[in-house]
Amino acid sequence: MTSSQSKLLQQLNKFYAERVQSRRAAVVKNLRDVCAIVQDVLKEVETQEPRFVSSLSEINGYFDGLQV
């Protein structure tokens, strides 16, 4: 690897560590918060209307039935 490629790789790694990882963590946190609220609402709808069945479920840290 040349010196310029090495510097570029270092800058990319720095950018990823400072910007991408922190933003990704914030998005995941917000998504979990929203999904928790949606699950509560869906549970309430299920209790009021027995024909309704919620399709949102969390499997291995991911939400199945969620479309963004």
Protein backbone atom coordinates (compact mmCIF):
# COMPACT_ATOMS: atom_id res chain seq x y z
CA MET A 1 0.00 0.00 0.00
CA THR A 2 1.33 3.40 -0.87
CA SER A 3 1.58 6.27 1.53
CA SER A 4 -1.39 8.13 0.00
CA GLN A 5 -3.56 5.01 0.18
CA SER A 6 -2.57 4.52 3.80
CA LYS A 7 -3.50 8.11 4.65
CA LEU A 8 -6.82 7.74 2.85
CA LEU A 9 -7.58 4.54 4.71
CA GLN A 10 -6.77 6.22 8.02
CA GLN A 11 -9.08 9.13 7.19
CA LEU A 12 -11.89 6.78 6.18
CA ASN A 13 -11.51 4.79 9.39
CA LYS A 14 -11.52 7.99 11.42
CA PHE A 15 -14.65 9.27 9.64
CA TYR A 16 -16.40 5.92 10.15
CA ALA A 17 -15.52 5.82 13.83
CA GLU A 18 -16.53 9.44 14.53
CA ARG A 19 -19.57 9.91 12.32
CA VAL A 20 -21.04 6.68 10.99
CA GLN A 21 -20.94 4.55 14.14
CA SER A 22 -22.42 7.25 16.36
CA ARG A 23 -25.19 8.03 13.86
CA ARG A 24 -25.95 4.33 13.42
CA ALA A 25 -26.23 3.90 17.19
CA ALA A 26 -28.61 6.87 17.39
CA VAL A 27 -30.79 5.49 14.59
CA VAL A 28 -30.97 2.08 16.27
CA LYS A 29 -31.93 3.68 19.59
CA ASN A 30 -34.66 5.78 17.96
CA LEU A 31 -35.98 2.78 16.06
CA ARG A 32 -36.19 0.73 19.26
CA ASP A 33 -38.05 3.56 21.00
CA VAL A 34 -40.54 3.89 18.15
CA CYS A 35 -41.06 0.12 17.91
CA ALA A 36 -41.71 -0.09 21.65
CA ILE A 37 -44.44 2.54 21.33
CA VAL A 38 -45.90 0.85 18.24
CA GLN A 39 -45.97 -2.50 20.04
CA ASP A 40 -47.85 -0.94 22.95
CA VAL A 41 -50.40 0.58 20.57
CA LEU A 42 -50.80 -2.71 18.70
CA LYS A 43 -51.35 -4.60 21.95
CA GLU A 44 -54.07 -2.16 22.91
CA VAL A 45 -55.72 -2.55 19.50
CA GLU A 46 -55.58 -6.34 19.89
CA THR A 47 -57.37 -6.16 23.23
CA GLN A 48 -60.11 -3.94 21.81
CA GLU A 49 -60.54 -5.80 18.50
CA PRO A 50 -60.03 -9.57 18.72
CA ARG A 51 -59.91 -9.98 14.93
CA PHE A 52 -56.75 -7.86 14.71
CA VAL A 53 -53.44 -9.72 15.00
CA SER A 54 -50.18 -7.82 15.29
CA SER A 55 -47.41 -8.92 12.94
CA LEU A 56 -44.62 -6.90 14.57
CA SER A 57 -42.25 -9.05 16.59
CA GLU A 58 -38.63 -8.76 17.67
CA ILE A 59 -36.36 -11.63 16.64
CA ASN A 60 -32.66 -11.58 17.52
CA GLY A 61 -32.61 -7.81 17.89
CA TYR A 62 -34.45 -7.18 14.62
CA PHE A 63 -38.11 -6.36 14.15
CA ASP A 64 -39.92 -8.77 11.86
CA GLY A 65 -42.94 -7.24 10.12
CA LEU A 66 -41.48 -3.72 10.08
CA GLN A 67 -41.21 -1.85 6.81
CA VAL A 68 -39.35 1.45 6.77
